[in-house]
Amino acid sequence: MELERSILEETLRSFLREDLGYGDITTDSLVDPETKGTATVVCNEPAMISGLWEAQALLEIAGCRGEPIVEESDRVMAGARILNASGPAGSLLKVERTLLNILSHMSGVTTATSALVELAKKEGAGKIRIACTRKTLPGLRYFEKRAVAVGGGDTHRLRLDDAVLIKDNHLAFGGTITECIKKARSKVSFTKKIEVEVVDPGQAVEAAEAGADIILLDNMKPDQVTNTVNLLQRENLRERIILEASGGIQRDNLAAYLRTDIDVVSLGAITHSAKSIDMSMNIRPVKRRR
């Protein structure tokens, strides 16, 4: 998943404007505009790397050049050099924090996602997709969602126009689950899937019988999920739908959900609580030839 280059550049420029304000008064007062520099980004802890493409684009916007030393989704150890850069020293200094923020955050999301994907494989549930949610920071959704994809996770809906997802607040206005599915099916393109959020086995059966494509089991405990799956199987409804579990799922209880014969586990924590990876950027002047 990659953003159209022109859209990505527009977003990155806004990030730079936010940090620069009317100019970097420290750099502008201390560094000769003609001075060239080189830089190396170092990852200071074990991580799975993502954000290199975005970092290169950011450097180009700043009039610099970036050369990745590793590749997207590579696992590195503490102290690994991941990116070299060169260009006007002032530009490297001005872009430093924004570049590190992007790389650190995206790599953190990727590392967290990868750990959960590996846990699913270890539990023998590699067929179950580990997905994120729309619990992303405004302005950062593309970066966080792409980081999830690099880590082997599923991006789920990118925007509200990707698919129908009927929740309790929609039911308050649209009627019963059956009525809401019927209304959505009549108004939305056949190319869009319809997902319904349910809180008990009875609602899951109603959603399946009404023609939902996906059923989201919201805030159900693992035993409740198992009961719901068993009921759907008894009613010969299980095979026609995709089952997703979400709500209150963390790394420490994920294994229990992976043993419930569902298809997708979605976790908001992948994006909103992923630890940023510690990285640094060492910038040095290029020595002039005599």
Protein backbone atom coordinates (compact mmCIF):
# COMPACT_ATOMS: atom_id res chain seq x y z
CA MET A 1 0.00 0.00 0.00
CA GLU A 2 1.58 3.25 -1.14
CA LEU A 3 0.08 6.72 -1.33
CA GLU A 4 0.09 8.58 -4.64
CA ARG A 5 3.44 10.39 -4.64
CA SER A 6 1.93 13.88 -5.10
CA ILE A 7 -0.47 13.33 -2.17
CA LEU A 8 2.32 11.95 -0.01
CA GLU A 9 4.54 14.94 -0.78
CA GLU A 10 1.73 17.36 0.10
CA THR A 11 1.31 15.62 3.47
CA LEU A 12 5.04 15.58 4.17
CA ARG A 13 5.33 19.27 3.31
CA SER A 14 2.63 20.02 5.86
CA PHE A 15 4.61 18.08 8.47
CA LEU A 16 7.69 20.15 7.70
CA ARG A 17 5.75 23.42 7.81
CA GLU A 18 4.38 22.46 11.22
CA ASP A 19 7.88 21.98 12.61
CA LEU A 20 9.67 24.83 10.81
CA GLY A 21 7.26 27.67 11.46
CA TYR A 22 8.96 30.75 9.96
CA GLY A 23 12.36 29.05 9.93
CA ASP A 24 14.92 27.18 12.01
CA ILE A 25 16.51 30.13 13.79
CA THR A 26 19.17 27.93 15.40
CA THR A 27 20.41 26.39 12.15
CA ASP A 28 20.07 29.63 10.18
CA SER A 29 22.20 31.50 12.69
CA LEU A 30 24.96 28.88 13.01
CA VAL A 31 25.28 26.99 9.71
CA ASP A 32 26.62 28.44 6.46
CA PRO A 33 24.03 27.82 3.70
CA GLU A 34 26.81 26.57 1.41
CA THR A 35 27.94 23.84 3.82
CA LYS A 36 27.20 20.30 2.70
CA GLY A 37 26.52 17.47 5.10
CA THR A 38 26.05 13.74 5.39
CA ALA A 39 23.87 11.88 7.84
CA THR A 40 23.20 8.37 9.07
CA VAL A 41 20.02 7.19 10.77
CA VAL A 42 20.71 4.60 13.45
CA CYS A 43 18.13 2.29 15.02
CA ASN A 44 18.98 2.08 18.71
CA GLU A 45 16.91 -0.99 19.56
CA PRO A 46 15.75 -4.20 17.86
CA ALA A 47 12.94 -3.50 15.41
CA MET A 48 11.25 -4.29 12.12
CA ILE A 49 11.78 -1.30 9.84
CA SER A 50 9.20 0.64 7.87
CA GLY A 51 8.89 4.21 6.61
CA LEU A 52 11.98 4.25 4.41
CA TRP A 53 10.04 5.25 1.30
CA GLU A 54 8.43 8.14 3.16
CA ALA A 55 11.80 9.17 4.62
CA GLN A 56 13.36 9.30 1.16
CA ALA A 57 10.48 11.42 -0.14
CA LEU A 58 10.85 13.79 2.79
CA LEU A 59 14.58 14.19 2.16
CA GLU A 60 13.96 14.94 -1.52
CA ILE A 61 11.44 17.63 -0.58
CA ALA A 62 14.14 19.19 1.61
CA GLY A 63 16.63 19.16 -1.26
CA CYS A 64 18.57 16.19 0.07
CA ARG A 65 19.08 12.59 -0.95
CA GLY A 66 18.41 9.41 0.99
CA GLU A 67 19.86 5.95 0.44
CA PRO A 68 18.37 3.09 2.51
CA ILE A 69 20.86 0.62 3.93
CA VAL A 70 18.17 -1.93 4.78
CA GLU A 71 14.82 -2.75 3.20
CA GLU A 72 11.23 -2.37 4.35
CA SER A 73 10.26 -5.18 6.80
CA ASP A 74 13.90 -6.01 7.56
CA ARG A 75 14.55 -6.92 11.18
CA VAL A 76 17.54 -5.11 12.66
CA MET A 77 19.44 -5.23 15.92
CA ALA A 78 20.27 -2.31 18.19
CA GLY A 79 22.89 -0.04 16.63
CA ALA A 80 22.01 -0.90 13.03
CA ARG A 81 22.44 1.83 10.42
CA ILE A 82 19.28 1.97 8.33
CA LEU A 83 19.55 5.08 6.14
CA ASN A 84 22.24 7.37 4.74
CA ALA A 85 21.48 10.93 3.66
CA SER A 86 23.34 13.80 2.05
CA GLY A 87 22.67 17.38 1.02
CA PRO A 88 22.87 20.92 2.38
CA ALA A 89 23.76 20.67 6.07
CA GLY A 90 21.08 23.16 7.01
CA SER A 91 18.40 21.13 5.26
CA LEU A 92 19.49 17.92 6.98
CA LEU A 93 19.26 19.65 10.35
CA LYS A 94 15.82 21.07 9.57
CA VAL A 95 14.38 17.76 8.40
CA GLU A 96 15.94 15.65 11.15
CA ARG A 97 13.11 15.53 13.71
CA THR A 98 10.28 15.06 11.23
CA LEU A 99 12.18 12.26 9.51
CA LEU A 100 12.93 10.48 12.79
CA ASN A 101 9.35 10.87 13.97
CA ILE A 102 8.04 9.14 10.86
CA LEU A 103 10.60 6.33 10.87
CA SER A 104 10.33 5.75 14.63
CA HIS A 105 6.54 5.67 14.71
CA MET A 106 6.03 3.59 11.57
CA SER A 107 8.69 1.09 12.62
CA GLY A 108 7.06 0.89 16.05
CA VAL A 109 3.69 0.02 14.51
CA THR A 110 5.32 -2.48 12.16
CA THR A 111 7.25 -4.13 14.99
CA ALA A 112 4.12 -4.42 17.16
CA THR A 113 2.09 -5.84 14.29
CA SER A 114 4.76 -8.36 13.36
CA ALA A 115 4.91 -9.64 16.94
CA LEU A 116 1.18 -10.40 16.90
CA VAL A 117 1.34 -12.02 13.45
CA GLU A 118 4.18 -14.25 14.68
CA LEU A 119 2.17 -15.12 17.79
CA ALA A 120 -0.72 -16.23 15.57
CA LYS A 121 1.63 -18.48 13.59
CA LYS A 122 3.07 -19.90 16.81
CA GLU A 123 -0.44 -20.74 18.02
CA GLY A 124 -1.11 -22.56 14.76
CA ALA A 125 -3.59 -19.88 13.70
CA GLY A 126 -1.68 -18.37 10.80
CA LYS A 127 -4.86 -18.31 8.72
CA ILE A 128 -6.39 -15.76 11.10
CA ARG A 129 -5.73 -12.21 9.97
CA ILE A 130 -4.39 -9.70 12.46
CA ALA A 131 -5.99 -6.38 11.58
CA CYS A 132 -5.88 -2.82 12.83
CA THR A 133 -8.83 -0.44 13.23
CA ARG A 134 -9.60 3.19 12.43
CA LYS A 135 -8.16 4.21 15.81
CA THR A 136 -5.43 6.21 14.15
CA LEU A 137 -4.24 9.77 14.75
CA PRO A 138 -5.71 12.36 12.36
CA GLY A 139 -3.23 13.02 9.57
CA LEU A 140 -1.30 9.81 10.25
CA ARG A 141 -3.74 7.14 9.06
CA TYR A 142 -1.87 6.38 5.85
CA PHE A 143 1.46 6.07 7.68
CA GLU A 144 0.05 3.88 10.46
CA LYS A 145 -1.98 1.67 8.14
CA ARG A 146 0.97 1.14 5.77
CA ALA A 147 3.15 0.27 8.76
CA VAL A 148 0.59 -2.40 9.73
CA ALA A 149 0.74 -3.83 6.20
CA VAL A 150 4.56 -3.94 6.26
CA GLY A 151 4.34 -5.90 9.52
CA GLY A 152 2.12 -8.53 7.92
CA GLY A 153 -1.18 -7.23 9.28
CA ASP A 154 -4.43 -6.35 7.54
CA THR A 155 -5.30 -2.66 7.17
CA HIS A 156 -9.07 -3.18 7.58
CA ARG A 157 -11.11 -0.17 6.36
CA LEU A 158 -8.94 2.75 5.32
CA ARG A 159 -11.89 5.14 5.21
CA LEU A 160 -15.64 5.17 5.77
CA ASP A 161 -16.24 4.68 2.05
CA ASP A 162 -14.45 1.31 1.93
CA ALA A 163 -17.27 -0.83 3.28
CA VAL A 164 -20.51 -0.73 5.27
CA LEU A 165 -20.02 -1.31 9.01
CA ILE A 166 -23.29 -1.20 10.94
CA LYS A 167 -22.76 -0.47 14.65
CA ASP A 168 -25.05 0.02 17.64
CA ASN A 169 -25.31 3.75 17.00
CA HIS A 170 -26.51 3.05 13.45
CA LEU A 171 -29.11 0.60 14.75
CA ALA A 172 -30.47 3.35 16.99
CA PHE A 173 -31.50 5.23 13.84
CA GLY A 174 -31.86 2.54 11.18
CA GLY A 175 -33.96 -0.10 12.93
CA THR A 176 -33.20 -3.79 13.45
CA ILE A 177 -30.11 -5.55 12.14
CA THR A 178 -32.20 -7.12 9.40
CA GLU A 179 -33.72 -3.78 8.40
CA CYS A 180 -30.34 -2.04 8.35
CA ILE A 181 -28.75 -4.71 6.18
CA LYS A 182 -31.69 -4.55 3.77
CA LYS A 183 -31.46 -0.75 3.52
CA ALA A 184 -27.69 -0.79 3.02
CA ARG A 185 -27.91 -3.55 0.41
CA SER A 186 -30.44 -1.54 -1.59
CA LYS A 187 -28.45 1.71 -1.54
CA VAL A 188 -24.78 0.68 -1.62
CA SER A 189 -22.91 -0.74 -4.61
CA PHE A 190 -22.73 -4.51 -4.89
CA THR A 191 -18.94 -4.12 -4.81
CA LYS A 192 -19.03 -3.07 -1.13
CA LYS A 193 -19.14 -5.63 1.67
CA ILE A 194 -21.56 -5.24 4.57
CA GLU A 195 -20.29 -5.85 8.10
CA VAL A 196 -22.43 -5.81 11.23
CA GLU A 197 -21.25 -5.37 14.82
CA VAL A 198 -23.03 -7.71 17.26
CA VAL A 199 -22.79 -8.26 21.01
CA ASP A 200 -24.40 -11.69 21.45
CA PRO A 201 -24.94 -14.98 19.57
CA GLY A 202 -28.55 -14.17 18.73
CA GLN A 203 -27.57 -10.98 16.91
CA ALA A 204 -24.88 -12.91 15.02
CA VAL A 205 -27.46 -15.38 13.74
CA GLU A 206 -29.80 -12.55 12.72
CA ALA A 207 -26.98 -10.79 10.85
CA ALA A 208 -25.96 -13.97 9.03
CA GLU A 209 -29.54 -14.82 8.07
CA ALA A 210 -30.08 -11.25 6.82
CA GLY A 211 -27.11 -11.56 4.45
CA ALA A 212 -24.22 -9.83 6.18
CA ASP A 213 -20.83 -10.54 4.60
CA ILE A 214 -18.86 -10.01 7.82
CA ILE A 215 -19.91 -10.19 11.46
CA LEU A 216 -17.90 -8.33 14.08
CA LEU A 217 -18.13 -9.92 17.53
CA ASP A 218 -17.75 -6.85 19.72
CA ASN A 219 -16.21 -7.07 23.20
CA MET A 220 -17.01 -10.77 23.54
CA LYS A 221 -14.89 -12.97 25.80
CA PRO A 222 -13.23 -15.98 24.14
CA ASP A 223 -15.86 -18.39 25.50
CA GLN A 224 -18.64 -16.15 24.13
CA VAL A 225 -16.92 -16.12 20.75
CA THR A 226 -16.72 -19.93 20.80
CA ASN A 227 -20.42 -20.18 21.70
CA THR A 228 -21.29 -17.86 18.83
CA VAL A 229 -19.22 -19.85 16.34
CA ASN A 230 -20.83 -23.10 17.49
CA LEU A 231 -24.33 -21.64 17.17
CA LEU A 232 -23.62 -20.39 13.65
CA GLN A 233 -22.33 -23.83 12.72
CA ARG A 234 -25.45 -25.54 14.09
CA GLU A 235 -27.58 -23.17 12.04
CA ASN A 236 -25.46 -23.89 8.92
CA LEU A 237 -24.52 -20.21 8.72
CA ARG A 238 -20.83 -20.25 9.61
CA GLU A 239 -19.42 -20.93 6.15
CA ARG A 240 -21.20 -18.06 4.46
CA ILE A 241 -19.73 -15.26 6.58
CA ILE A 242 -16.40 -13.86 7.77
CA LEU A 243 -16.12 -13.64 11.56
CA GLU A 244 -14.13 -10.86 13.20
CA ALA A 245 -13.43 -10.46 16.92
CA SER A 246 -12.64 -7.01 18.27
CA GLY A 247 -12.71 -5.02 21.49
CA GLY A 248 -10.56 -5.50 24.56
CA ILE A 249 -8.07 -7.73 22.76
CA GLN A 250 -4.43 -7.28 23.74
CA ARG A 251 -1.24 -9.26 23.27
CA ASP A 252 -1.69 -11.00 26.63
CA ASN A 253 -5.13 -12.42 25.76
CA LEU A 254 -4.76 -12.75 21.99
CA ALA A 255 -3.89 -16.46 22.11
CA ALA A 256 -7.30 -17.30 23.61
CA TYR A 257 -9.05 -15.63 20.67
CA LEU A 258 -6.80 -17.37 18.17
CA ARG A 259 -8.24 -20.70 19.37
CA THR A 260 -11.87 -19.78 18.67
CA ASP A 261 -12.07 -20.56 14.92
CA ILE A 262 -12.65 -17.00 13.76
CA ASP A 263 -11.21 -15.35 10.66
CA VAL A 264 -10.00 -11.93 11.81
CA VAL A 265 -8.82 -10.37 15.06
CA SER A 266 -8.68 -6.56 15.04
CA LEU A 267 -6.82 -4.52 17.65
CA GLY A 268 -6.79 -0.76 18.03
CA ALA A 269 -3.65 -1.07 20.16
CA ILE A 270 -1.53 -1.86 17.08
CA THR A 271 -1.76 1.78 16.05
CA HIS A 272 -2.81 3.83 19.07
CA SER A 273 -0.50 2.19 21.61
CA ALA A 274 2.50 0.98 19.62
CA LYS A 275 5.81 1.98 21.19
CA SER A 276 7.90 4.32 19.06
CA ILE A 277 11.30 2.86 18.17
CA ASP A 278 14.34 4.74 19.48
CA MET A 279 16.29 6.14 16.53
CA SER A 280 18.89 8.86 16.09
CA MET A 281 20.37 10.80 13.17
CA ASN A 282 24.05 11.67 13.17
CA ILE A 283 24.84 14.67 10.94
CA ARG A 284 28.36 15.71 9.97
CA PRO A 285 29.81 18.38 7.65
CA VAL A 286 31.44 17.27 4.43
CA LYS A 287 35.10 18.18 4.51
CA ARG A 288 36.09 20.50 1.72
CA ARG A 289 38.88 19.43 -0.55
CA ARG A 290 41.93 21.65 -0.55
